[in-house]
Amino acid sequence: MKITAQMIREVREETGAPMLRAKKVLEEVGDKKKAIEILKKEGFEKMAKRTDRATGAGVVVSYTHHTGKVASLVELLCETDFVAKNEVFLEVANNIAMQVASMNPKDEKELLAQEFVKDPGKKIEELIKEATAKTGENIKLSRFTRIEIGN
């Protein structure tokens, strides 16, 4: 299998792995899917070492359903302002806010265990882990709330 720059770019985008590591794993296994699995696993292992790091930065995002009758607020924390402005981090925060508005979880444990409405094969906890692996920082869901007309 010929390793192309496009393949390396796709693996990097999917996993957040450095370019040289993505290229090396692609060359070793010769399969894009296997390379992504390996690099995600490595990222999750590295992520586990970050869970004790302080999360002093982050964002508060809101989501309002198109009907205007349901809204949510989510506070997602990370280690630095740099990551708090990162596209990957902001996308996860917005997706979690949409999840809260859509699925009305009663607590954090339930929310983290829910299947993501946009991709039922993934749990919300996995979205956060993937973002942690891609950004290289500890990411934590701090709190959330949901408001609905009449409730």
N, C-alpha and C. Protein backbone atom coordinates (compact mmCIF):
# COMPACT_ATOMS: atom_id res chain seq x y z
N MET A 1 0.84 -1.19 0.00
CA MET A 1 0.00 0.00 0.00
C MET A 1 0.88 1.24 0.00
N LYS A 2 0.57 2.15 -0.89
CA LYS A 2 1.33 3.40 -0.99
C LYS A 2 0.75 4.42 0.00
N ILE A 3 1.62 4.96 0.83
CA ILE A 3 1.22 5.95 1.82
C ILE A 3 1.28 7.33 1.17
N THR A 4 0.14 8.03 1.15
CA THR A 4 0.09 9.35 0.54
C THR A 4 -0.02 10.43 1.60
N ALA A 5 0.29 11.64 1.19
CA ALA A 5 0.16 12.77 2.11
C ALA A 5 -1.29 12.94 2.55
N GLN A 6 -2.23 12.66 1.66
CA GLN A 6 -3.65 12.76 1.99
C GLN A 6 -4.02 11.75 3.09
N MET A 7 -3.51 10.53 3.00
CA MET A 7 -3.78 9.52 4.03
C MET A 7 -3.23 9.96 5.39
N ILE A 8 -2.01 10.47 5.37
CA ILE A 8 -1.39 10.94 6.61
C ILE A 8 -2.23 12.06 7.22
N ARG A 9 -2.66 13.00 6.38
CA ARG A 9 -3.48 14.13 6.84
C ARG A 9 -4.78 13.62 7.45
N GLU A 10 -5.44 12.67 6.81
CA GLU A 10 -6.70 12.13 7.31
C GLU A 10 -6.52 11.43 8.66
N VAL A 11 -5.44 10.66 8.78
CA VAL A 11 -5.16 9.96 10.04
C VAL A 11 -4.87 10.98 11.15
N ARG A 12 -4.12 12.01 10.82
CA ARG A 12 -3.81 13.07 11.80
C ARG A 12 -5.08 13.76 12.27
N GLU A 13 -5.95 14.11 11.32
CA GLU A 13 -7.19 14.81 11.67
C GLU A 13 -8.08 13.95 12.56
N GLU A 14 -8.11 12.67 12.27
CA GLU A 14 -8.96 11.74 13.02
C GLU A 14 -8.43 11.48 14.42
N THR A 15 -7.11 11.46 14.58
CA THR A 15 -6.52 11.04 15.85
C THR A 15 -5.80 12.14 16.63
N GLY A 16 -5.40 13.20 15.95
CA GLY A 16 -4.62 14.24 16.61
C GLY A 16 -3.15 13.86 16.79
N ALA A 17 -2.74 12.74 16.20
CA ALA A 17 -1.35 12.29 16.32
C ALA A 17 -0.41 13.18 15.50
N PRO A 18 0.85 13.29 15.93
CA PRO A 18 1.83 14.04 15.14
C PRO A 18 2.01 13.41 13.76
N MET A 19 2.39 14.24 12.78
CA MET A 19 2.52 13.79 11.41
C MET A 19 3.48 12.61 11.27
N LEU A 20 4.65 12.72 11.88
CA LEU A 20 5.64 11.64 11.74
C LEU A 20 5.15 10.33 12.37
N ARG A 21 4.45 10.43 13.49
CA ARG A 21 3.91 9.21 14.13
C ARG A 21 2.82 8.60 13.27
N ALA A 22 1.96 9.44 12.69
CA ALA A 22 0.90 8.94 11.80
C ALA A 22 1.51 8.23 10.59
N LYS A 23 2.53 8.83 10.02
CA LYS A 23 3.19 8.23 8.85
C LYS A 23 3.83 6.90 9.23
N LYS A 24 4.53 6.87 10.35
CA LYS A 24 5.21 5.65 10.78
C LYS A 24 4.23 4.50 11.00
N VAL A 25 3.14 4.77 11.68
CA VAL A 25 2.14 3.72 11.95
C VAL A 25 1.49 3.27 10.65
N LEU A 26 1.20 4.19 9.76
CA LEU A 26 0.64 3.82 8.45
C LEU A 26 1.60 2.89 7.70
N GLU A 27 2.87 3.22 7.72
CA GLU A 27 3.87 2.39 7.04
C GLU A 27 3.97 1.01 7.69
N GLU A 28 3.87 0.95 9.01
CA GLU A 28 4.00 -0.32 9.73
C GLU A 28 2.81 -1.25 9.48
N VAL A 29 1.59 -0.71 9.54
CA VAL A 29 0.42 -1.57 9.42
C VAL A 29 -0.15 -1.63 8.00
N GLY A 30 0.11 -0.62 7.19
CA GLY A 30 -0.34 -0.62 5.81
C GLY A 30 -1.84 -0.49 5.62
N ASP A 31 -2.55 -0.08 6.67
CA ASP A 31 -4.01 0.04 6.58
C ASP A 31 -4.45 1.26 7.38
N LYS A 32 -5.22 2.13 6.74
CA LYS A 32 -5.64 3.38 7.37
C LYS A 32 -6.50 3.13 8.61
N LYS A 33 -7.46 2.21 8.54
CA LYS A 33 -8.34 1.93 9.68
C LYS A 33 -7.55 1.40 10.88
N LYS A 34 -6.64 0.47 10.62
CA LYS A 34 -5.83 -0.08 11.71
C LYS A 34 -4.94 0.99 12.33
N ALA A 35 -4.37 1.85 11.47
CA ALA A 35 -3.50 2.92 11.95
C ALA A 35 -4.29 3.86 12.87
N ILE A 36 -5.52 4.19 12.47
CA ILE A 36 -6.36 5.07 13.28
C ILE A 36 -6.66 4.41 14.63
N GLU A 37 -6.98 3.12 14.62
CA GLU A 37 -7.25 2.39 15.87
C GLU A 37 -6.05 2.45 16.80
N ILE A 38 -4.87 2.16 16.26
CA ILE A 38 -3.64 2.15 17.06
C ILE A 38 -3.37 3.53 17.65
N LEU A 39 -3.48 4.56 16.82
CA LEU A 39 -3.18 5.91 17.29
C LEU A 39 -4.22 6.42 18.28
N LYS A 40 -5.47 6.05 18.11
CA LYS A 40 -6.50 6.44 19.09
C LYS A 40 -6.22 5.77 20.43
N LYS A 41 -5.82 4.49 20.38
CA LYS A 41 -5.51 3.79 21.62
C LYS A 41 -4.33 4.46 22.33
N GLU A 42 -3.31 4.82 21.57
CA GLU A 42 -2.16 5.52 22.15
C GLU A 42 -2.60 6.84 22.77
N GLY A 43 -3.47 7.55 22.06
CA GLY A 43 -3.97 8.83 22.57
C GLY A 43 -4.75 8.66 23.85
N PHE A 44 -5.58 7.62 23.94
CA PHE A 44 -6.36 7.37 25.16
C PHE A 44 -5.44 7.00 26.32
N GLU A 45 -4.36 6.27 26.03
CA GLU A 45 -3.42 5.91 27.09
C GLU A 45 -2.72 7.15 27.63
N LYS A 46 -2.34 8.05 26.71
CA LYS A 46 -1.71 9.31 27.13
C LYS A 46 -2.71 10.16 27.90
N MET A 47 -3.96 10.13 27.46
CA MET A 47 -5.00 10.92 28.09
C MET A 47 -5.19 10.51 29.55
N ALA A 48 -5.11 9.23 29.82
CA ALA A 48 -5.30 8.73 31.19
C ALA A 48 -4.29 9.36 32.15
N LYS A 49 -3.11 9.69 31.64
CA LYS A 49 -2.08 10.30 32.48
C LYS A 49 -2.38 11.77 32.77
N ARG A 50 -3.29 12.37 32.01
CA ARG A 50 -3.59 13.79 32.15
C ARG A 50 -4.74 14.09 33.11
N THR A 51 -5.44 13.09 33.56
CA THR A 51 -6.68 13.32 34.31
C THR A 51 -6.49 14.08 35.62
N ASP A 52 -5.29 14.11 36.17
CA ASP A 52 -5.06 14.83 37.42
C ASP A 52 -4.65 16.28 37.21
N ARG A 53 -4.42 16.68 35.97
CA ARG A 53 -4.00 18.05 35.70
C ARG A 53 -5.15 19.02 35.96
N ALA A 54 -4.79 20.21 36.45
CA ALA A 54 -5.79 21.23 36.75
C ALA A 54 -6.42 21.78 35.47
N THR A 55 -7.71 22.02 35.55
CA THR A 55 -8.44 22.57 34.40
C THR A 55 -8.95 23.96 34.79
N GLY A 56 -8.12 24.97 34.55
CA GLY A 56 -8.44 26.33 34.96
C GLY A 56 -8.97 27.21 33.85
N ALA A 57 -9.14 26.67 32.66
CA ALA A 57 -9.67 27.45 31.53
C ALA A 57 -10.85 26.69 30.95
N GLY A 58 -11.48 27.26 29.97
CA GLY A 58 -12.59 26.58 29.33
C GLY A 58 -13.58 27.54 28.72
N VAL A 59 -14.78 27.02 28.45
CA VAL A 59 -15.83 27.84 27.84
C VAL A 59 -17.19 27.47 28.43
N VAL A 60 -18.09 28.43 28.32
CA VAL A 60 -19.50 28.18 28.57
C VAL A 60 -20.18 28.39 27.22
N VAL A 61 -20.88 27.36 26.74
CA VAL A 61 -21.57 27.47 25.45
C VAL A 61 -23.07 27.26 25.67
N SER A 62 -23.83 27.83 24.75
CA SER A 62 -25.28 27.67 24.82
C SER A 62 -25.78 27.05 23.53
N TYR A 63 -26.90 26.39 23.64
CA TYR A 63 -27.57 25.82 22.47
C TYR A 63 -29.06 26.08 22.63
N THR A 64 -29.67 26.59 21.58
CA THR A 64 -31.10 26.80 21.57
C THR A 64 -31.69 25.98 20.43
N HIS A 65 -32.66 25.14 20.75
CA HIS A 65 -33.32 24.32 19.73
C HIS A 65 -34.03 25.23 18.74
N HIS A 66 -34.17 24.77 17.50
CA HIS A 66 -34.75 25.62 16.46
C HIS A 66 -36.18 26.05 16.76
N THR A 67 -36.88 25.35 17.65
CA THR A 67 -38.23 25.74 18.03
C THR A 67 -38.23 26.92 18.99
N GLY A 68 -37.08 27.18 19.62
CA GLY A 68 -36.99 28.25 20.60
C GLY A 68 -37.59 27.90 21.94
N LYS A 69 -37.96 26.64 22.14
CA LYS A 69 -38.62 26.22 23.39
C LYS A 69 -37.71 25.45 24.33
N VAL A 70 -36.52 25.09 23.87
CA VAL A 70 -35.57 24.35 24.69
C VAL A 70 -34.19 24.96 24.48
N ALA A 71 -33.45 25.11 25.58
CA ALA A 71 -32.09 25.63 25.50
C ALA A 71 -31.24 24.94 26.56
N SER A 72 -29.92 25.02 26.37
CA SER A 72 -29.01 24.45 27.37
C SER A 72 -27.75 25.29 27.47
N LEU A 73 -27.11 25.18 28.62
CA LEU A 73 -25.81 25.79 28.87
C LEU A 73 -24.87 24.69 29.34
N VAL A 74 -23.65 24.71 28.83
CA VAL A 74 -22.64 23.71 29.23
C VAL A 74 -21.34 24.43 29.54
N GLU A 75 -20.72 24.05 30.65
CA GLU A 75 -19.39 24.54 31.00
C GLU A 75 -18.42 23.38 30.80
N LEU A 76 -17.49 23.54 29.85
CA LEU A 76 -16.49 22.53 29.56
C LEU A 76 -15.12 23.13 29.88
N LEU A 77 -14.33 22.41 30.67
CA LEU A 77 -13.05 22.93 31.14
C LEU A 77 -11.87 22.26 30.47
N CYS A 78 -10.77 23.02 30.36
CA CYS A 78 -9.50 22.50 29.84
C CYS A 78 -8.37 23.18 30.62
N GLU A 79 -7.14 22.91 30.23
CA GLU A 79 -6.00 23.43 30.98
C GLU A 79 -5.60 24.85 30.61
N THR A 80 -5.72 25.22 29.33
CA THR A 80 -5.22 26.52 28.88
C THR A 80 -6.24 27.26 28.01
N ASP A 81 -6.08 28.58 27.94
CA ASP A 81 -6.93 29.39 27.07
C ASP A 81 -6.70 29.04 25.60
N PHE A 82 -5.49 28.62 25.28
CA PHE A 82 -5.17 28.24 23.90
C PHE A 82 -6.10 27.13 23.42
N VAL A 83 -6.26 26.09 24.21
CA VAL A 83 -7.14 24.99 23.84
C VAL A 83 -8.60 25.41 23.94
N ALA A 84 -8.94 26.28 24.87
CA ALA A 84 -10.32 26.75 25.01
C ALA A 84 -10.80 27.44 23.74
N LYS A 85 -9.89 27.94 22.93
CA LYS A 85 -10.23 28.59 21.67
C LYS A 85 -10.07 27.66 20.48
N ASN A 86 -9.62 26.44 20.74
CA ASN A 86 -9.36 25.46 19.69
C ASN A 86 -10.67 24.96 19.08
N GLU A 87 -10.67 24.79 17.77
CA GLU A 87 -11.86 24.34 17.03
C GLU A 87 -12.38 22.99 17.53
N VAL A 88 -11.48 22.05 17.80
CA VAL A 88 -11.87 20.72 18.28
C VAL A 88 -12.59 20.84 19.62
N PHE A 89 -12.03 21.61 20.53
CA PHE A 89 -12.60 21.80 21.86
C PHE A 89 -13.98 22.46 21.77
N LEU A 90 -14.08 23.52 20.99
CA LEU A 90 -15.35 24.25 20.85
C LEU A 90 -16.42 23.38 20.21
N GLU A 91 -16.04 22.55 19.26
CA GLU A 91 -17.01 21.66 18.63
C GLU A 91 -17.57 20.66 19.64
N VAL A 92 -16.71 20.11 20.47
CA VAL A 92 -17.17 19.17 21.51
C VAL A 92 -18.11 19.89 22.48
N ALA A 93 -17.75 21.08 22.91
CA ALA A 93 -18.60 21.83 23.83
C ALA A 93 -19.98 22.08 23.22
N ASN A 94 -20.01 22.49 21.97
CA ASN A 94 -21.29 22.74 21.29
C ASN A 94 -22.10 21.46 21.10
N ASN A 95 -21.41 20.37 20.78
CA ASN A 95 -22.11 19.09 20.63
C ASN A 95 -22.71 18.62 21.95
N ILE A 96 -22.01 18.83 23.03
CA ILE A 96 -22.54 18.44 24.34
C ILE A 96 -23.75 19.30 24.69
N ALA A 97 -23.70 20.59 24.39
CA ALA A 97 -24.84 21.46 24.66
C ALA A 97 -26.07 21.01 23.87
N MET A 98 -25.86 20.61 22.61
CA MET A 98 -26.96 20.10 21.80
C MET A 98 -27.50 18.81 22.40
N GLN A 99 -26.61 17.95 22.87
CA GLN A 99 -27.01 16.68 23.49
C GLN A 99 -27.88 16.93 24.72
N VAL A 100 -27.47 17.88 25.55
CA VAL A 100 -28.21 18.19 26.77
C VAL A 100 -29.62 18.68 26.41
N ALA A 101 -29.71 19.56 25.43
CA ALA A 101 -31.02 20.07 25.02
C ALA A 101 -31.88 18.94 24.45
N SER A 102 -31.29 18.06 23.68
CA SER A 102 -32.03 16.99 23.01
C SER A 102 -32.46 15.87 23.95
N MET A 103 -31.56 15.43 24.81
CA MET A 103 -31.79 14.20 25.58
C MET A 103 -32.14 14.41 27.05
N ASN A 104 -32.03 15.64 27.55
CA ASN A 104 -32.40 15.98 28.91
C ASN A 104 -31.84 15.01 29.97
N PRO A 105 -30.52 14.86 30.04
CA PRO A 105 -29.95 13.96 31.06
C PRO A 105 -30.17 14.53 32.46
N LYS A 106 -30.36 13.63 33.43
CA LYS A 106 -30.64 14.09 34.79
C LYS A 106 -29.37 14.46 35.55
N ASP A 107 -28.23 13.86 35.15
CA ASP A 107 -26.97 14.17 35.82
C ASP A 107 -25.79 13.91 34.88
N GLU A 108 -24.59 14.22 35.37
CA GLU A 108 -23.38 14.08 34.55
C GLU A 108 -23.13 12.63 34.15
N LYS A 109 -23.32 11.72 35.08
CA LYS A 109 -23.07 10.30 34.80
C LYS A 109 -23.96 9.81 33.64
N GLU A 110 -25.22 10.19 33.69
CA GLU A 110 -26.14 9.80 32.61
C GLU A 110 -25.73 10.43 31.28
N LEU A 111 -25.38 11.71 31.33
CA LEU A 111 -24.97 12.40 30.11
C LEU A 111 -23.76 11.72 29.47
N LEU A 112 -22.74 11.45 30.26
CA LEU A 112 -21.52 10.84 29.73
C LEU A 112 -21.76 9.46 29.14
N ALA A 113 -22.75 8.75 29.64
CA ALA A 113 -23.05 7.40 29.17
C ALA A 113 -23.99 7.39 27.95
N GLN A 114 -24.60 8.53 27.65
CA GLN A 114 -25.54 8.58 26.53
C GLN A 114 -24.83 8.44 25.19
N GLU A 115 -25.54 7.83 24.24
CA GLU A 115 -25.04 7.78 22.87
C GLU A 115 -25.23 9.17 22.26
N PHE A 116 -24.23 9.62 21.53
CA PHE A 116 -24.24 10.93 20.90
C PHE A 116 -25.31 10.96 19.82
N VAL A 117 -26.19 11.96 19.85
CA VAL A 117 -27.31 12.00 18.92
C VAL A 117 -26.87 12.10 17.45
N LYS A 118 -25.74 12.70 17.18
CA LYS A 118 -25.25 12.82 15.80
C LYS A 118 -24.53 11.56 15.32
N ASP A 119 -24.05 10.76 16.26
CA ASP A 119 -23.30 9.54 15.93
C ASP A 119 -23.57 8.50 17.02
N PRO A 120 -24.68 7.74 16.90
CA PRO A 120 -25.07 6.81 17.95
C PRO A 120 -24.04 5.74 18.30
N GLY A 121 -23.01 5.56 17.51
CA GLY A 121 -21.98 4.60 17.84
C GLY A 121 -21.01 5.11 18.90
N LYS A 122 -21.11 6.40 19.24
CA LYS A 122 -20.20 7.00 20.22
C LYS A 122 -20.98 7.50 21.42
N LYS A 123 -20.34 7.39 22.55
CA LYS A 123 -20.90 7.93 23.78
C LYS A 123 -20.30 9.34 23.99
N ILE A 124 -20.98 10.15 24.76
CA ILE A 124 -20.50 11.51 25.04
C ILE A 124 -19.12 11.46 25.71
N GLU A 125 -18.92 10.49 26.58
CA GLU A 125 -17.61 10.33 27.23
C GLU A 125 -16.50 10.12 26.20
N GLU A 126 -16.80 9.38 25.14
CA GLU A 126 -15.81 9.14 24.08
C GLU A 126 -15.49 10.43 23.33
N LEU A 127 -16.48 11.29 23.12
CA LEU A 127 -16.23 12.57 22.46
C LEU A 127 -15.20 13.38 23.25
N ILE A 128 -15.37 13.39 24.56
CA ILE A 128 -14.45 14.13 25.42
C ILE A 128 -13.06 13.50 25.39
N LYS A 129 -13.00 12.17 25.44
CA LYS A 129 -11.70 11.48 25.39
C LYS A 129 -10.99 11.75 24.07
N GLU A 130 -11.72 11.72 22.97
CA GLU A 130 -11.11 12.00 21.67
C GLU A 130 -10.57 13.42 21.61
N ALA A 131 -11.31 14.37 22.15
CA ALA A 131 -10.85 15.76 22.18
C ALA A 131 -9.61 15.89 23.06
N THR A 132 -9.57 15.18 24.16
CA THR A 132 -8.39 15.18 25.04
C THR A 132 -7.18 14.64 24.29
N ALA A 133 -7.37 13.56 23.56
CA ALA A 133 -6.27 12.97 22.81
C ALA A 133 -5.80 13.91 21.70
N LYS A 134 -6.72 14.59 21.05
CA LYS A 134 -6.36 15.48 19.95
C LYS A 134 -5.70 16.77 20.42
N THR A 135 -6.16 17.30 21.56
CA THR A 135 -5.62 18.58 22.04
C THR A 135 -4.41 18.42 22.95
N GLY A 136 -4.28 17.25 23.55
CA GLY A 136 -3.17 17.01 24.47
C GLY A 136 -3.40 17.60 25.85
N GLU A 137 -4.63 17.99 26.15
CA GLU A 137 -4.94 18.56 27.45
C GLU A 137 -6.06 17.80 28.13
N ASN A 138 -6.09 17.92 29.45
CA ASN A 138 -7.18 17.36 30.23
C ASN A 138 -8.44 18.17 29.95
N ILE A 139 -9.53 17.50 29.62
CA ILE A 139 -10.81 18.16 29.36
C ILE A 139 -11.84 17.52 30.27
N LYS A 140 -12.62 18.37 30.94
CA LYS A 140 -13.63 17.88 31.88
C LYS A 140 -14.94 18.62 31.68
N LEU A 141 -16.01 17.87 31.77
CA LEU A 141 -17.33 18.48 31.81
C LEU A 141 -17.54 19.00 33.22
N SER A 142 -17.79 20.28 33.35
CA SER A 142 -17.93 20.86 34.68
C SER A 142 -19.39 20.83 35.15
N ARG A 143 -20.27 21.44 34.36
CA ARG A 143 -21.68 21.46 34.73
C ARG A 143 -22.52 21.79 33.50
N PHE A 144 -23.81 21.55 33.64
CA PHE A 144 -24.73 21.86 32.55
C PHE A 144 -26.13 22.07 33.11
N THR A 145 -26.94 22.75 32.32
CA THR A 145 -28.33 22.95 32.69
C THR A 145 -29.18 23.00 31.43
N ARG A 146 -30.44 22.69 31.59
CA ARG A 146 -31.37 22.67 30.46
C ARG A 146 -32.63 23.42 30.87
N ILE A 147 -33.15 24.23 29.97
CA ILE A 147 -34.36 25.00 30.23
C ILE A 147 -35.36 24.67 29.14
N GLU A 148 -36.60 24.41 29.55
CA GLU A 148 -37.65 24.12 28.58
C GLU A 148 -38.91 24.90 28.96
N ILE A 149 -39.55 25.48 27.98
CA ILE A 149 -40.78 26.23 28.21
C ILE A 149 -41.80 25.31 28.91
N GLY A 150 -42.37 25.78 29.98
CA GLY A 150 -43.40 25.04 30.69
C GLY A 150 -42.89 24.06 31.73
N ASN A 151 -41.59 23.88 31.83
CA ASN A 151 -41.04 22.95 32.84
C ASN A 151 -40.17 23.70 33.82
